[in-house]
């Protein structure tokens, strides 16, 4: 999310407007990027397990062959 921020310059009469980017989750809830990354990875693993149980195909990537495949 972008916020408009006004910053004072060396001359006190001049205010400069610039855009500042902030992560809304970090800003609102105090969750670090590392925590979000771990939660994201856990959700992907959970979704893959659900797909396996349901018998749905799972898209994977072979690092050696550098090609995608369905599991």
N, C-alpha and C. Protein backbone atom coordinates (compact mmCIF):
# COMPACT_ATOMS: atom_id res chain seq x y z
N UNK A 1 0.85 -1.16 0.00
CA UNK A 1 0.00 0.00 0.00
C UNK A 1 0.90 1.23 0.00
N UNK A 2 0.51 2.24 -0.75
CA UNK A 2 1.29 3.47 -0.82
C UNK A 2 0.61 4.55 0.00
N UNK A 3 1.40 5.32 0.69
CA UNK A 3 0.91 6.44 1.48
C UNK A 3 1.60 7.70 1.00
N UNK A 4 0.87 8.80 0.98
CA UNK A 4 1.48 10.07 0.65
C UNK A 4 2.08 10.65 1.92
N UNK A 5 3.32 11.06 1.83
CA UNK A 5 4.04 11.58 2.99
C UNK A 5 4.65 12.92 2.60
N UNK A 6 4.58 13.87 3.49
CA UNK A 6 5.19 15.17 3.26
C UNK A 6 6.45 15.25 4.11
N UNK A 7 7.54 15.65 3.49
CA UNK A 7 8.82 15.70 4.18
C UNK A 7 9.38 17.11 4.10
N UNK A 8 9.86 17.61 5.23
CA UNK A 8 10.46 18.94 5.26
C UNK A 8 11.84 18.89 4.63
N UNK A 9 12.15 19.92 3.87
CA UNK A 9 13.48 20.04 3.28
C UNK A 9 14.32 20.95 4.15
N UNK A 10 15.52 21.23 3.70
CA UNK A 10 16.41 22.09 4.49
C UNK A 10 15.82 23.49 4.68
N UNK A 11 15.19 24.00 3.62
CA UNK A 11 14.50 25.27 3.81
C UNK A 11 13.13 24.95 4.41
N UNK A 12 12.83 25.49 5.54
CA UNK A 12 11.65 25.11 6.31
C UNK A 12 10.33 25.46 5.61
N UNK A 13 10.39 26.37 4.63
CA UNK A 13 9.17 26.77 3.95
C UNK A 13 8.72 25.76 2.90
N UNK A 14 9.60 24.90 2.44
CA UNK A 14 9.29 23.99 1.34
C UNK A 14 9.02 22.58 1.87
N UNK A 15 7.87 22.06 1.53
CA UNK A 15 7.50 20.68 1.88
C UNK A 15 7.50 19.86 0.60
N UNK A 16 8.10 18.69 0.63
CA UNK A 16 8.16 17.84 -0.54
C UNK A 16 7.23 16.66 -0.32
N UNK A 17 6.40 16.39 -1.34
CA UNK A 17 5.46 15.28 -1.27
C UNK A 17 6.08 14.09 -1.99
N UNK A 18 6.09 12.93 -1.36
CA UNK A 18 6.60 11.72 -1.99
C UNK A 18 5.76 10.54 -1.55
N UNK A 19 5.87 9.44 -2.28
CA UNK A 19 5.10 8.25 -1.97
C UNK A 19 5.97 7.30 -1.15
N UNK A 20 5.38 6.72 -0.14
CA UNK A 20 6.08 5.78 0.72
C UNK A 20 5.32 4.46 0.68
N UNK A 21 6.04 3.38 0.40
CA UNK A 21 5.40 2.07 0.33
C UNK A 21 5.54 1.37 1.66
N UNK A 22 4.43 0.83 2.15
CA UNK A 22 4.44 0.06 3.40
C UNK A 22 3.65 -1.21 3.20
N UNK A 23 4.08 -2.28 3.81
CA UNK A 23 3.35 -3.52 3.80
C UNK A 23 2.21 -3.37 4.81
N UNK A 24 0.98 -3.47 4.34
CA UNK A 24 -0.16 -3.23 5.20
C UNK A 24 -0.22 -4.19 6.38
N UNK A 25 0.13 -5.47 6.15
CA UNK A 25 0.10 -6.43 7.27
C UNK A 25 1.13 -6.07 8.32
N UNK A 26 2.36 -5.74 7.88
CA UNK A 26 3.38 -5.36 8.84
C UNK A 26 2.98 -4.10 9.58
N UNK A 27 2.41 -3.15 8.85
CA UNK A 27 2.03 -1.87 9.44
C UNK A 27 0.88 -2.06 10.44
N UNK A 28 -0.06 -2.93 10.11
CA UNK A 28 -1.24 -3.08 10.94
C UNK A 28 -1.06 -4.08 12.08
N UNK A 29 -0.47 -5.22 11.78
CA UNK A 29 -0.44 -6.30 12.76
C UNK A 29 0.94 -6.61 13.32
N UNK A 30 1.97 -6.01 12.79
CA UNK A 30 3.31 -6.24 13.29
C UNK A 30 3.87 -7.60 12.94
N UNK A 31 3.43 -8.20 11.83
CA UNK A 31 3.93 -9.50 11.41
C UNK A 31 5.15 -9.28 10.52
N UNK A 32 6.24 -9.95 10.81
CA UNK A 32 7.46 -9.77 10.03
C UNK A 32 7.35 -10.49 8.69
N UNK A 33 8.21 -10.13 7.75
CA UNK A 33 8.24 -10.78 6.44
C UNK A 33 8.59 -12.25 6.58
N UNK A 34 9.47 -12.58 7.51
CA UNK A 34 9.86 -13.98 7.71
C UNK A 34 8.66 -14.81 8.18
N UNK A 35 7.88 -14.24 9.08
CA UNK A 35 6.69 -14.94 9.57
C UNK A 35 5.68 -15.15 8.45
N UNK A 36 5.47 -14.14 7.62
CA UNK A 36 4.56 -14.27 6.49
C UNK A 36 5.05 -15.34 5.52
N UNK A 37 6.36 -15.39 5.28
CA UNK A 37 6.93 -16.39 4.37
C UNK A 37 6.70 -17.79 4.92
N UNK A 38 6.93 -18.00 6.20
CA UNK A 38 6.72 -19.31 6.80
C UNK A 38 5.25 -19.72 6.75
N UNK A 39 4.36 -18.79 7.00
CA UNK A 39 2.93 -19.09 6.93
C UNK A 39 2.51 -19.44 5.51
N UNK A 40 3.08 -18.73 4.53
CA UNK A 40 2.77 -19.00 3.13
C UNK A 40 3.23 -20.40 2.75
N UNK A 41 4.46 -20.76 3.13
CA UNK A 41 4.98 -22.10 2.82
C UNK A 41 4.13 -23.18 3.46
N UNK A 42 3.71 -22.97 4.70
CA UNK A 42 2.87 -23.95 5.40
C UNK A 42 1.51 -24.10 4.70
N UNK A 43 0.96 -22.99 4.21
CA UNK A 43 -0.33 -23.08 3.53
C UNK A 43 -0.21 -23.84 2.21
N UNK A 44 0.92 -23.68 1.51
CA UNK A 44 1.14 -24.42 0.26
C UNK A 44 1.24 -25.92 0.55
N UNK A 45 1.99 -26.30 1.59
CA UNK A 45 2.11 -27.71 1.95
C UNK A 45 0.76 -28.30 2.33
N UNK A 46 -0.03 -27.55 3.07
CA UNK A 46 -1.36 -28.01 3.48
C UNK A 46 -2.24 -28.21 2.25
N UNK A 47 -2.20 -27.27 1.32
CA UNK A 47 -3.00 -27.38 0.10
C UNK A 47 -2.58 -28.59 -0.74
N UNK A 48 -1.28 -28.86 -0.80
CA UNK A 48 -0.80 -30.03 -1.55
C UNK A 48 -1.29 -31.33 -0.91
N UNK A 49 -1.31 -31.39 0.41
CA UNK A 49 -1.81 -32.59 1.10
C UNK A 49 -3.30 -32.77 0.83
N UNK A 50 -4.06 -31.70 0.83
CA UNK A 50 -5.49 -31.78 0.54
C UNK A 50 -5.71 -32.29 -0.88
N UNK A 51 -4.91 -31.79 -1.83
CA UNK A 51 -5.02 -32.25 -3.22
C UNK A 51 -4.68 -33.72 -3.35
N UNK A 52 -3.66 -34.18 -2.61
CA UNK A 52 -3.29 -35.61 -2.65
C UNK A 52 -4.43 -36.47 -2.12
N UNK A 53 -5.04 -36.04 -1.03
CA UNK A 53 -6.15 -36.80 -0.44
C UNK A 53 -7.33 -36.86 -1.39
N UNK A 54 -7.61 -35.75 -2.07
CA UNK A 54 -8.73 -35.69 -3.02
C UNK A 54 -8.40 -36.35 -4.35
N UNK A 55 -7.13 -36.68 -4.57
CA UNK A 55 -6.73 -37.30 -5.83
C UNK A 55 -6.59 -36.30 -6.97
N UNK A 56 -6.39 -35.04 -6.66
CA UNK A 56 -6.23 -34.01 -7.68
C UNK A 56 -4.76 -33.90 -8.09
N UNK A 57 -4.50 -33.49 -9.34
CA UNK A 57 -3.11 -33.34 -9.77
C UNK A 57 -2.44 -32.15 -9.08
N UNK A 58 -1.13 -32.30 -8.86
CA UNK A 58 -0.35 -31.24 -8.22
C UNK A 58 0.75 -30.83 -9.20
N UNK A 59 0.85 -29.56 -9.50
CA UNK A 59 1.89 -29.06 -10.39
C UNK A 59 3.20 -28.96 -9.61
N UNK A 60 4.26 -29.57 -10.17
CA UNK A 60 5.59 -29.55 -9.56
C UNK A 60 6.61 -29.11 -10.60
N UNK A 61 7.85 -28.89 -10.15
CA UNK A 61 8.92 -28.48 -11.05
C UNK A 61 10.15 -29.32 -10.77
N UNK A 62 10.68 -29.94 -11.83
CA UNK A 62 11.90 -30.76 -11.71
C UNK A 62 13.10 -29.85 -11.92
N UNK A 63 13.93 -29.69 -10.88
CA UNK A 63 15.08 -28.79 -10.96
C UNK A 63 16.16 -29.31 -11.89
N UNK A 64 16.34 -30.65 -11.96
CA UNK A 64 17.36 -31.22 -12.85
C UNK A 64 17.00 -31.00 -14.31
N UNK A 65 15.75 -31.37 -14.66
CA UNK A 65 15.31 -31.24 -16.05
C UNK A 65 14.83 -29.83 -16.38
N UNK A 66 14.60 -29.05 -15.35
CA UNK A 66 14.10 -27.68 -15.50
C UNK A 66 12.78 -27.65 -16.28
N UNK A 67 11.88 -28.58 -15.89
CA UNK A 67 10.59 -28.67 -16.55
C UNK A 67 9.49 -28.90 -15.51
N UNK A 68 8.32 -28.35 -15.77
CA UNK A 68 7.18 -28.63 -14.88
C UNK A 68 6.56 -29.99 -15.21
N UNK A 69 5.92 -30.58 -14.20
CA UNK A 69 5.22 -31.84 -14.40
C UNK A 69 4.07 -31.93 -13.41
N UNK A 70 3.13 -32.83 -13.69
CA UNK A 70 2.00 -33.07 -12.79
C UNK A 70 2.28 -34.32 -11.99
N UNK A 71 2.01 -34.25 -10.71
CA UNK A 71 2.25 -35.38 -9.81
C UNK A 71 0.98 -36.16 -9.64
